[in-house]
Amino acid sequence: MPNQEISRRMLLQAAVAGTAALAARPRGDIRADGGGASVPAALGGQPVRTAPFPRWPRFREADEQAVLPVLRHGVWSRAQVVDEAERQFAHLMGGEYCVTTCNGTNALITSVRALGIGAGDEVITTPYTFVASVYPILLADALPVFADIDPDTWQIDPAKIEAKINTKTVAILPVHIIGGVCDMDRITAIARKHNLKVIEDACEAHGGEWKGRKVGTVGDLGCFSFQTGKSLTCGEGGAILGRDRDLMDRCYSFHNLGRPHGSVASKHGEGYPIVGSKCRMAEYQAAILLAQMQTFEAECRQRSENAAYLTEKLAQIPGIIPRKDYAGVTRTAFYYYGFRYQKEPFDGLSRDKFLGALAAEGIDCDAGLGVISGRPINKEGCLEDAFRSKAYQRLYPPETFANYSADNECPHCDQLVEETVGFHQRMLLGPRQDMDDIATAVTKIYENRRKLVEAT
């Protein structure tokens, strides 16, 4: 842990130094084409660019015009605007039914509850994800089981799933991570074979497609997030898509305090017939979401085109390995553009110093999902915290936890966490020249790798 803290401090110092260097220069789109271009900006040279990348979220007059009627109407809690947002989001994603929630985490919590997952059950998921993918399993007193990733696509590896299945397994929770798409053919085939449910975590993959079908519509339920950084946002918010009307009625009832809805009323009666929570979307959130949906498809196309162009350039640089997609992916949805950074071709330049050098060149970047703690989710402290709780101690025999860490080792994920570098999706919304700047900056660092190593 001390080494991780030192690395983080070094990264922050380098980024601050780079930002200070940028601030001291006149604004404009400065490029590495002379006048100190051969010297890395981290060592006092001229940065590749000083112009900012596109901001996110974007808001337009349409967003303001959408919110004002809601404010003036006085009904800010869930009502007709939310109903309309559900209809339009389902249509946009090619889903049949939709229930919106206050955030993506609660979309997952609602889905887990609606499927009846609980104490003693096991749910197979990926270790390369945000912690919100795992919390709904833990909050249901179920046991998350981790299957390693495919090192090329970064998604959960279907070949590793089947070996994790036992009589306690009830569901698979694949995560379409950073906007990539899981191999849904193989995952759904495994689920059918073993009579398991599939909850797609598509919180980072709005608009992604598997063989022409939008993610979130292939499994039993699909969950989305509209948090500020997502490619479709209303600040906070979430959604569940499904095709089983009874199951979606149960999702609706759960998210609305367990009140009866549709088949829940006919099966269970009036009042508060099932246990629920209150995680409804607000009207003003839905109003923003409706406005943001108007530009969503155009933005998706721009991200995809820029990403394809950038990948072609970066793949030519030694030590830079862009994430790949399965052959069945017909559209990638970008929450984050990621690649592996392998330090050996850069003469041993550490990832932290590479990130600092990129920041000095005016390129916003980070270490991806490992940036917060430097650990994949299967090694996070929240698991041990849950397992020490009274509920887990009473529900599970001691041997369940004795070998848990060893049984859930995921070496491919461990390596990826150490090598991830990437950019937020907003950087894919600029002109083609922005992609050239990113590639130029990485190339500049590679060509000056020995100077950067020697300087440290």
Protein backbone atom coordinates (compact mmCIF):
# COMPACT_ATOMS: atom_id res chain seq x y z
CA MET A 1 0.00 0.00 0.00
CA PRO A 2 2.82 2.55 0.68
CA ASN A 3 4.16 1.95 -2.84
CA GLN A 4 0.70 2.63 -4.28
CA GLU A 5 0.49 5.91 -2.34
CA ILE A 6 3.95 6.95 -3.63
CA SER A 7 2.91 6.11 -7.20
CA ARG A 8 -0.27 8.13 -6.87
CA ARG A 9 1.64 11.11 -5.50
CA MET A 10 4.16 10.89 -8.35
CA LEU A 11 1.32 10.80 -10.89
CA LEU A 12 -0.41 13.78 -9.31
CA GLN A 13 2.84 15.77 -9.16
CA ALA A 14 3.55 15.07 -12.82
CA ALA A 15 0.00 15.99 -13.82
CA VAL A 16 0.13 19.21 -11.79
CA ALA A 17 3.49 20.10 -13.33
CA GLY A 18 2.07 19.47 -16.79
CA THR A 19 -1.00 21.58 -16.08
CA ALA A 20 1.17 24.42 -14.78
CA ALA A 21 3.28 24.28 -17.92
CA LEU A 22 0.16 24.46 -20.07
CA ALA A 23 -1.27 27.35 -18.10
CA ALA A 24 1.95 29.37 -18.61
CA ARG A 25 1.58 29.22 -22.40
CA PRO A 26 -0.90 31.04 -24.63
CA ARG A 27 -4.06 29.09 -25.36
CA GLY A 28 -4.40 27.52 -28.78
CA ASP A 29 -3.88 24.25 -30.56
CA ILE A 30 -0.11 23.89 -30.33
CA ARG A 31 1.27 20.79 -32.01
CA ALA A 32 4.53 18.88 -31.93
CA ASP A 33 5.90 20.20 -35.23
CA GLY A 34 8.92 22.26 -34.23
CA GLY A 35 10.05 24.78 -31.67
CA GLY A 36 10.94 22.37 -28.88
CA ALA A 37 8.77 19.51 -30.17
CA SER A 38 11.59 17.01 -29.77
CA VAL A 39 11.73 17.68 -26.04
CA PRO A 40 8.95 16.11 -23.93
CA ALA A 41 6.76 18.70 -22.23
CA ALA A 42 7.42 16.92 -18.94
CA LEU A 43 11.09 17.92 -19.40
CA GLY A 44 10.37 21.52 -20.38
CA GLY A 45 9.52 21.14 -24.05
CA GLN A 46 6.53 22.42 -25.94
CA PRO A 47 3.32 20.42 -25.35
CA VAL A 48 1.49 18.81 -28.23
CA ARG A 49 -1.61 20.86 -27.43
CA THR A 50 -2.95 23.43 -25.04
CA ALA A 51 -6.50 23.56 -26.38
CA PRO A 52 -9.02 21.80 -24.11
CA PHE A 53 -10.83 18.70 -25.23
CA PRO A 54 -14.66 18.80 -25.41
CA ARG A 55 -16.43 19.22 -22.10
CA TRP A 56 -18.96 16.78 -20.72
CA PRO A 57 -21.81 16.78 -20.10
CA ARG A 58 -22.99 18.97 -22.94
CA PHE A 59 -26.10 21.01 -22.41
CA ARG A 60 -28.01 22.99 -24.94
CA GLU A 61 -30.99 25.27 -25.06
CA ALA A 62 -33.16 22.19 -25.58
CA ASP A 63 -32.15 20.93 -22.13
CA GLU A 64 -33.15 24.22 -20.51
CA GLN A 65 -36.44 24.29 -22.38
CA ALA A 66 -37.18 20.73 -21.27
CA VAL A 67 -36.61 21.42 -17.57
CA LEU A 68 -38.44 24.72 -17.18
CA PRO A 69 -41.98 23.35 -17.75
CA VAL A 70 -41.34 20.68 -15.11
CA LEU A 71 -40.15 23.28 -12.62
CA ARG A 72 -43.15 25.47 -13.30
CA HIS A 73 -45.62 22.60 -13.19
CA GLY A 74 -44.70 21.86 -9.57
CA VAL A 75 -44.79 18.06 -9.86
CA TRP A 76 -41.14 17.09 -9.57
CA SER A 77 -41.54 13.50 -8.39
CA ARG A 78 -42.23 10.62 -10.78
CA ALA A 79 -45.13 11.37 -13.15
CA GLN A 80 -45.83 11.74 -16.88
CA VAL A 81 -42.39 12.96 -17.98
CA VAL A 82 -40.77 9.86 -16.47
CA ASP A 83 -43.35 7.67 -18.24
CA GLU A 84 -42.44 9.30 -21.55
CA ALA A 85 -38.69 8.91 -20.91
CA GLU A 86 -39.22 5.19 -20.27
CA ARG A 87 -41.10 4.79 -23.54
CA GLN A 88 -38.50 6.67 -25.55
CA PHE A 89 -35.49 4.98 -23.95
CA ALA A 90 -37.00 1.54 -24.56
CA HIS A 91 -37.56 2.51 -28.19
CA LEU A 92 -34.03 3.92 -28.55
CA MET A 93 -32.48 0.73 -27.16
CA GLY A 94 -34.84 -1.66 -28.92
CA GLY A 95 -36.29 -2.87 -25.62
CA GLU A 96 -39.84 -3.91 -24.87
CA TYR A 97 -40.41 -2.58 -21.34
CA CYS A 98 -38.50 -0.02 -19.29
CA VAL A 99 -38.45 1.09 -15.66
CA THR A 100 -36.27 4.06 -14.75
CA THR A 101 -34.57 4.48 -11.37
CA CYS A 102 -32.68 7.17 -9.48
CA ASN A 103 -29.32 5.72 -10.58
CA GLY A 104 -27.70 2.71 -12.23
CA THR A 105 -26.76 1.09 -8.94
CA ASN A 106 -30.41 0.96 -7.93
CA ALA A 107 -31.31 -0.41 -11.35
CA LEU A 108 -29.04 -3.35 -10.54
CA ILE A 109 -30.36 -3.65 -6.98
CA THR A 110 -33.93 -3.67 -8.28
CA SER A 111 -33.10 -6.34 -10.87
CA VAL A 112 -31.43 -8.62 -8.33
CA ARG A 113 -34.42 -8.28 -6.00
CA ALA A 114 -36.99 -8.76 -8.74
CA LEU A 115 -35.34 -12.04 -9.72
CA GLY A 116 -35.53 -13.26 -6.12
CA ILE A 117 -31.77 -13.58 -5.69
CA GLY A 118 -30.86 -13.81 -2.02
CA ALA A 119 -29.12 -15.60 0.83
CA GLY A 120 -27.22 -18.72 -0.21
CA ASP A 121 -27.30 -17.88 -3.91
CA GLU A 122 -24.22 -17.32 -6.05
CA VAL A 123 -23.93 -14.86 -8.92
CA ILE A 124 -21.04 -15.05 -11.39
CA THR A 125 -19.62 -11.73 -12.54
CA THR A 126 -16.41 -10.03 -13.65
CA PRO A 127 -13.62 -8.66 -11.45
CA TYR A 128 -12.89 -5.87 -13.95
CA THR A 129 -15.73 -3.49 -13.16
CA PHE A 130 -16.87 -0.67 -10.93
CA VAL A 131 -17.88 -1.68 -7.42
CA ALA A 132 -21.56 -0.88 -8.10
CA SER A 133 -21.78 -4.11 -10.12
CA VAL A 134 -21.08 -6.13 -6.97
CA TYR A 135 -22.92 -4.18 -4.27
CA PRO A 136 -26.40 -5.41 -5.34
CA ILE A 137 -25.23 -9.01 -4.89
CA LEU A 138 -23.80 -8.29 -1.45
CA LEU A 139 -26.84 -6.28 -0.35
CA ALA A 140 -28.98 -9.32 -1.17
CA ASP A 141 -26.75 -11.48 1.08
CA ALA A 142 -25.76 -13.50 -1.98
CA LEU A 143 -22.24 -14.49 -2.91
CA PRO A 144 -20.38 -12.89 -5.84
CA VAL A 145 -18.22 -15.35 -7.74
CA PHE A 146 -15.60 -13.96 -10.12
CA ALA A 147 -14.70 -15.37 -13.53
CA ASP A 148 -11.56 -13.96 -15.14
CA ILE A 149 -11.58 -11.71 -18.19
CA ASP A 150 -10.69 -12.22 -21.82
CA PRO A 151 -7.35 -10.34 -22.02
CA ASP A 152 -8.06 -9.04 -25.54
CA THR A 153 -11.60 -7.69 -25.08
CA TRP A 154 -11.41 -7.01 -21.30
CA GLN A 155 -14.89 -8.55 -20.89
CA ILE A 156 -15.79 -11.56 -18.73
CA ASP A 157 -14.46 -14.71 -20.41
CA PRO A 158 -17.28 -17.20 -21.15
CA ALA A 159 -14.71 -20.00 -21.11
CA LYS A 160 -14.11 -19.27 -17.42
CA ILE A 161 -17.78 -19.04 -16.43
CA GLU A 162 -18.90 -22.65 -16.69
CA ALA A 163 -16.22 -23.93 -14.30
CA LYS A 164 -17.63 -21.59 -11.62
CA ILE A 165 -21.18 -22.97 -11.82
CA ASN A 166 -22.51 -25.21 -9.04
CA THR A 167 -25.88 -26.03 -7.48
CA LYS A 168 -25.97 -22.63 -5.73
CA THR A 169 -25.43 -20.59 -8.89
CA VAL A 170 -28.58 -18.71 -9.93
CA ALA A 171 -27.41 -15.96 -12.28
CA ILE A 172 -24.67 -14.51 -14.45
CA LEU A 173 -24.05 -10.77 -14.33
CA PRO A 174 -21.90 -9.86 -17.34
CA VAL A 175 -20.66 -6.26 -17.44
CA HIS A 176 -20.19 -4.56 -20.80
CA ILE A 177 -17.21 -2.75 -19.37
CA ILE A 178 -15.99 0.68 -20.54
CA GLY A 179 -18.43 0.36 -23.44
CA GLY A 180 -17.16 -2.93 -24.83
CA VAL A 181 -19.61 -5.77 -25.39
CA CYS A 182 -19.53 -9.26 -23.85
CA ASP A 183 -19.86 -12.43 -25.94
CA MET A 184 -23.59 -12.73 -25.35
CA ASP A 185 -24.07 -15.82 -27.54
CA ARG A 186 -21.82 -17.93 -25.36
CA ILE A 187 -23.07 -16.40 -22.11
CA THR A 188 -26.75 -16.95 -22.90
CA ALA A 189 -26.01 -20.50 -24.11
CA ILE A 190 -24.35 -21.29 -20.77
CA ALA A 191 -27.29 -19.72 -18.92
CA ARG A 192 -29.84 -21.80 -20.84
CA LYS A 193 -27.86 -24.98 -20.27
CA HIS A 194 -27.80 -24.46 -16.50
CA ASN A 195 -31.15 -22.67 -16.11
CA LEU A 196 -29.58 -19.40 -14.95
CA LYS A 197 -30.78 -15.83 -15.21
CA VAL A 198 -28.73 -13.17 -17.01
CA ILE A 199 -28.58 -9.57 -15.78
CA GLU A 200 -26.67 -7.39 -18.22
CA ASP A 201 -24.82 -4.52 -16.59
CA ALA A 202 -24.85 -2.09 -19.52
CA CYS A 203 -24.25 0.97 -17.35
CA GLU A 204 -21.23 1.93 -19.47
CA ALA A 205 -22.44 0.65 -22.83
CA HIS A 206 -25.43 2.68 -24.04
CA GLY A 207 -26.04 1.91 -27.70
CA GLY A 208 -23.55 -0.94 -27.96
CA GLU A 209 -24.70 -3.83 -30.14
CA TRP A 210 -24.22 -7.58 -30.24
CA LYS A 211 -25.07 -8.89 -33.71
CA GLY A 212 -27.42 -5.98 -34.29
CA ARG A 213 -29.17 -6.17 -30.91
CA LYS A 214 -28.62 -3.42 -28.39
CA VAL A 215 -26.91 -4.44 -25.17
CA GLY A 216 -29.31 -4.65 -22.26
CA THR A 217 -31.92 -6.43 -24.39
CA VAL A 218 -30.22 -9.83 -24.76
CA GLY A 219 -30.37 -11.12 -21.18
CA ASP A 220 -33.36 -11.39 -18.85
CA LEU A 221 -32.83 -7.83 -17.62
CA GLY A 222 -30.50 -5.04 -18.72
CA CYS A 223 -29.37 -2.18 -16.48
CA PHE A 224 -28.15 1.30 -17.45
CA SER A 225 -26.74 4.36 -15.70
CA PHE A 226 -27.28 8.00 -16.62
CA GLN A 227 -24.63 9.35 -14.24
CA THR A 228 -22.81 12.50 -15.35
CA GLY A 229 -19.91 10.77 -17.08
CA LYS A 230 -22.00 8.33 -19.11
CA SER A 231 -22.54 8.78 -22.85
CA LEU A 232 -26.25 9.35 -22.17
CA THR A 233 -26.74 11.35 -19.00
CA CYS A 234 -29.16 13.32 -16.87
CA GLY A 235 -26.71 13.81 -13.98
CA GLU A 236 -27.93 10.78 -12.07
CA GLY A 237 -30.44 8.15 -13.08
CA GLY A 238 -30.78 4.58 -14.23
CA ALA A 239 -32.98 2.24 -16.22
CA ILE A 240 -33.95 -1.42 -16.48
CA LEU A 241 -34.99 -3.05 -19.75
CA GLY A 242 -36.81 -6.38 -20.00
CA ARG A 243 -39.21 -8.35 -22.16
CA ASP A 244 -41.05 -10.35 -19.46
CA ARG A 245 -44.02 -8.22 -18.39
CA ASP A 246 -44.49 -9.94 -15.02
CA LEU A 247 -40.81 -9.53 -14.16
CA MET A 248 -40.88 -5.86 -15.14
CA ASP A 249 -44.03 -5.36 -13.04
CA ARG A 250 -42.05 -6.68 -10.10
CA CYS A 251 -39.21 -4.26 -10.89
CA TYR A 252 -41.70 -1.41 -10.96
CA SER A 253 -43.25 -2.40 -7.65
CA PHE A 254 -39.88 -2.77 -5.95
CA HIS A 255 -38.67 0.66 -7.10
CA ASN A 256 -41.94 2.22 -5.90
CA LEU A 257 -41.96 1.12 -2.24
CA GLY A 258 -43.41 -2.31 -3.02
CA ARG A 259 -46.73 -0.88 -4.14
CA PRO A 260 -48.79 -3.08 -6.48
CA HIS A 261 -48.34 -2.72 -10.21
CA GLY A 262 -49.75 -4.84 -13.01
CA SER A 263 -49.39 -8.52 -12.27
CA VAL A 264 -48.04 -7.79 -8.78
CA ALA A 265 -51.47 -6.43 -7.89
CA SER A 266 -53.36 -9.39 -9.36
CA LYS A 267 -51.08 -11.93 -7.65
CA HIS A 268 -50.45 -10.28 -4.31
CA GLY A 269 -53.25 -7.81 -3.68
CA GLU A 270 -53.34 -4.14 -2.73
CA GLY A 271 -51.48 -2.04 -0.17
CA TYR A 272 -47.78 -2.89 0.02
CA PRO A 273 -47.77 -6.53 -1.08
CA ILE A 274 -44.00 -6.97 -1.61
CA VAL A 275 -40.86 -5.60 0.00
CA GLY A 276 -39.55 -2.65 -1.95
CA SER A 277 -37.48 0.49 -1.92
CA LYS A 278 -37.90 4.04 -3.15
CA CYS A 279 -35.56 4.64 -6.05
CA ARG A 280 -37.75 6.41 -8.58
CA MET A 281 -36.47 8.82 -11.21
CA ALA A 282 -37.57 12.45 -10.78
CA GLU A 283 -39.42 14.42 -13.45
CA TYR A 284 -36.61 16.93 -14.02
CA GLN A 285 -34.12 14.07 -14.50
CA ALA A 286 -36.42 12.56 -17.10
CA ALA A 287 -36.80 15.91 -18.85
CA ILE A 288 -33.03 16.23 -19.25
CA LEU A 289 -32.80 12.61 -20.38
CA LEU A 290 -35.39 13.18 -23.09
CA ALA A 291 -33.45 16.17 -24.39
CA GLN A 292 -30.14 14.32 -24.30
CA MET A 293 -31.61 11.42 -26.28
CA GLN A 294 -32.08 13.78 -29.24
CA THR A 295 -28.33 13.95 -29.92
CA PHE A 296 -27.37 10.49 -28.68
CA GLU A 297 -27.16 8.64 -32.00
CA ALA A 298 -25.09 11.34 -33.69
CA GLU A 299 -22.68 11.39 -30.76
CA CYS A 300 -22.39 7.59 -30.82
CA ARG A 301 -21.43 7.68 -34.49
CA GLN A 302 -18.82 10.36 -33.87
CA ARG A 303 -17.25 8.43 -31.00
CA SER A 304 -17.13 5.23 -33.04
CA GLU A 305 -15.54 6.92 -36.06
CA ASN A 306 -12.93 8.75 -33.98
CA ALA A 307 -12.15 5.65 -31.94
CA ALA A 308 -11.58 3.52 -35.04
CA TYR A 309 -9.24 6.16 -36.44
CA LEU A 310 -7.35 6.48 -33.15
CA THR A 311 -7.02 2.72 -32.73
CA GLU A 312 -5.43 2.41 -36.17
CA LYS A 313 -2.81 4.98 -35.19
CA LEU A 314 -2.09 3.76 -31.65
CA ALA A 315 -1.78 0.11 -32.70
CA GLN A 316 1.35 1.06 -34.69
CA ILE A 317 3.20 2.23 -31.55
CA PRO A 318 5.22 -0.47 -29.72
CA GLY A 319 3.89 -1.17 -26.24
CA ILE A 320 0.43 0.29 -26.94
CA ILE A 321 -2.29 -2.37 -27.32
CA PRO A 322 -5.82 -1.02 -27.86
CA ARG A 323 -8.73 -3.08 -26.52
CA LYS A 324 -10.30 -5.37 -29.12
CA ASP A 325 -13.90 -6.37 -29.78
CA TYR A 326 -15.42 -9.79 -30.43
CA ALA A 327 -16.42 -10.51 -34.03
CA GLY A 328 -20.10 -10.39 -32.96
CA VAL A 329 -19.90 -6.74 -31.85
CA THR A 330 -21.68 -4.62 -34.43
CA ARG A 331 -21.26 -1.36 -32.52
CA THR A 332 -19.05 -0.42 -29.59
CA ALA A 333 -20.40 2.17 -27.20
CA PHE A 334 -17.72 4.26 -25.57
CA TYR A 335 -17.75 5.32 -21.95
CA TYR A 336 -13.97 5.16 -21.95
CA TYR A 337 -11.35 4.51 -24.60
CA GLY A 338 -8.83 2.04 -23.23
CA PHE A 339 -5.53 0.50 -24.20
CA ARG A 340 -2.80 -1.50 -22.50
CA TYR A 341 0.47 0.25 -21.77
CA GLN A 342 3.41 -2.16 -21.64
CA LYS A 343 6.48 -0.46 -20.26
CA GLU A 344 9.14 -2.78 -21.72
CA PRO A 345 9.06 -1.26 -25.26
CA PHE A 346 9.24 2.16 -23.51
CA ASP A 347 12.57 1.14 -21.92
CA GLY A 348 10.91 0.52 -18.56
CA LEU A 349 9.16 3.89 -18.25
CA SER A 350 6.53 3.26 -15.56
CA ARG A 351 2.85 3.69 -16.28
CA ASP A 352 2.60 6.51 -13.74
CA LYS A 353 5.40 8.42 -15.47
CA PHE A 354 3.85 7.69 -18.87
CA LEU A 355 0.56 9.16 -17.61
CA GLY A 356 2.37 12.19 -16.21
CA ALA A 357 4.16 12.73 -19.52
CA LEU A 358 0.86 12.50 -21.41
CA ALA A 359 -0.75 15.02 -19.05
CA ALA A 360 2.17 17.40 -19.64
CA GLU A 361 1.54 17.12 -23.39
CA GLY A 362 -2.04 18.31 -22.80
CA ILE A 363 -3.70 14.90 -23.06
CA ASP A 364 -6.21 14.02 -20.32
CA CYS A 365 -5.69 10.41 -19.28
CA ASP A 366 -5.87 8.04 -16.33
CA ALA A 367 -5.28 4.47 -15.21
CA GLY A 368 -8.84 3.31 -15.70
CA LEU A 369 -10.68 1.18 -13.18
CA GLY A 370 -7.57 0.55 -11.11
CA VAL A 371 -6.93 4.24 -10.48
CA ILE A 372 -8.90 4.43 -7.20
CA SER A 373 -7.29 1.63 -5.24
CA GLY A 374 -5.02 -0.17 -7.67
CA ARG A 375 -7.03 -3.35 -7.07
CA PRO A 376 -9.67 -5.25 -9.08
CA ILE A 377 -13.06 -5.68 -7.44
CA ASN A 378 -12.42 -9.29 -6.36
CA LYS A 379 -9.75 -7.92 -4.01
CA GLU A 380 -11.66 -4.95 -2.60
CA GLY A 381 -12.26 -4.58 1.13
CA CYS A 382 -16.03 -4.39 0.74
CA LEU A 383 -16.10 -8.16 0.22
CA GLU A 384 -14.35 -8.86 3.51
CA ASP A 385 -16.58 -6.32 5.23
CA ALA A 386 -19.68 -8.12 3.99
CA PHE A 387 -18.31 -11.55 4.88
CA ARG A 388 -17.61 -10.39 8.45
CA SER A 389 -21.19 -9.20 8.90
CA LYS A 390 -23.67 -11.05 11.12
CA ALA A 391 -25.79 -11.97 8.13
CA TYR A 392 -23.00 -13.68 6.20
CA GLN A 393 -21.56 -15.33 9.31
CA ARG A 394 -24.96 -16.84 10.09
CA LEU A 395 -25.88 -17.77 6.52
CA TYR A 396 -22.65 -19.35 5.27
CA PRO A 397 -20.40 -22.03 6.81
CA PRO A 398 -16.82 -20.95 7.66
CA GLU A 399 -15.32 -22.93 4.79
CA THR A 400 -17.13 -20.65 2.35
CA PHE A 401 -14.70 -17.85 3.16
CA ALA A 402 -11.61 -19.91 4.00
CA ASN A 403 -10.68 -20.39 0.35
CA TYR A 404 -12.72 -17.57 -1.17
CA SER A 405 -9.77 -15.40 -2.21
CA ALA A 406 -7.84 -18.29 -3.73
CA ASP A 407 -10.91 -19.60 -5.57
CA ASN A 408 -11.57 -16.16 -7.02
CA GLU A 409 -8.11 -15.31 -8.28
CA CYS A 410 -8.22 -13.72 -11.73
CA PRO A 411 -4.66 -13.28 -13.06
CA HIS A 412 -5.65 -11.83 -16.43
CA CYS A 413 -7.61 -9.12 -14.66
CA ASP A 414 -4.73 -8.43 -12.27
CA GLN A 415 -2.41 -7.79 -15.20
CA LEU A 416 -4.93 -5.57 -16.97
CA VAL A 417 -5.38 -3.38 -13.90
CA GLU A 418 -1.62 -2.83 -13.91
CA GLU A 419 -1.54 -1.87 -17.61
CA THR A 420 -4.73 0.08 -18.32
CA VAL A 421 -4.50 3.60 -19.74
CA GLY A 422 -7.33 5.49 -21.33
CA PHE A 423 -9.48 8.52 -21.90
CA HIS A 424 -13.04 9.54 -21.10
CA GLN A 425 -15.55 9.36 -23.95
CA ARG A 426 -15.80 13.15 -24.19
CA MET A 427 -12.39 13.17 -25.89
CA LEU A 428 -13.89 11.23 -28.80
CA LEU A 429 -16.38 14.02 -29.51
CA GLY A 430 -13.91 16.47 -31.04
CA PRO A 431 -12.55 16.78 -34.59
CA ARG A 432 -10.27 14.21 -36.20
CA GLN A 433 -7.29 16.42 -35.37
CA ASP A 434 -7.86 15.70 -31.65
CA MET A 435 -7.20 12.03 -32.34
CA ASP A 436 -4.02 13.00 -34.19
CA ASP A 437 -2.92 14.95 -31.12
CA ILE A 438 -3.41 11.94 -28.84
CA ALA A 439 -1.45 9.69 -31.19
CA THR A 440 1.23 12.36 -31.65
CA ALA A 441 1.66 12.73 -27.89
CA VAL A 442 2.03 8.98 -27.36
CA THR A 443 4.49 8.77 -30.25
CA LYS A 444 6.46 11.71 -28.85
CA ILE A 445 6.77 9.96 -25.48
CA TYR A 446 7.83 6.72 -27.16
CA GLU A 447 10.49 8.49 -29.23
CA ASN A 448 11.79 10.25 -26.11
CA ARG A 449 11.39 7.31 -23.73
CA ARG A 450 15.08 7.13 -22.87
CA LYS A 451 15.20 10.83 -21.92
CA LEU A 452 12.15 10.37 -19.69
CA VAL A 453 13.63 7.30 -18.01
CA GLU A 454 16.98 8.96 -17.44
CA ALA A 455 15.35 12.12 -16.09
CA THR A 456 13.81 10.11 -13.29
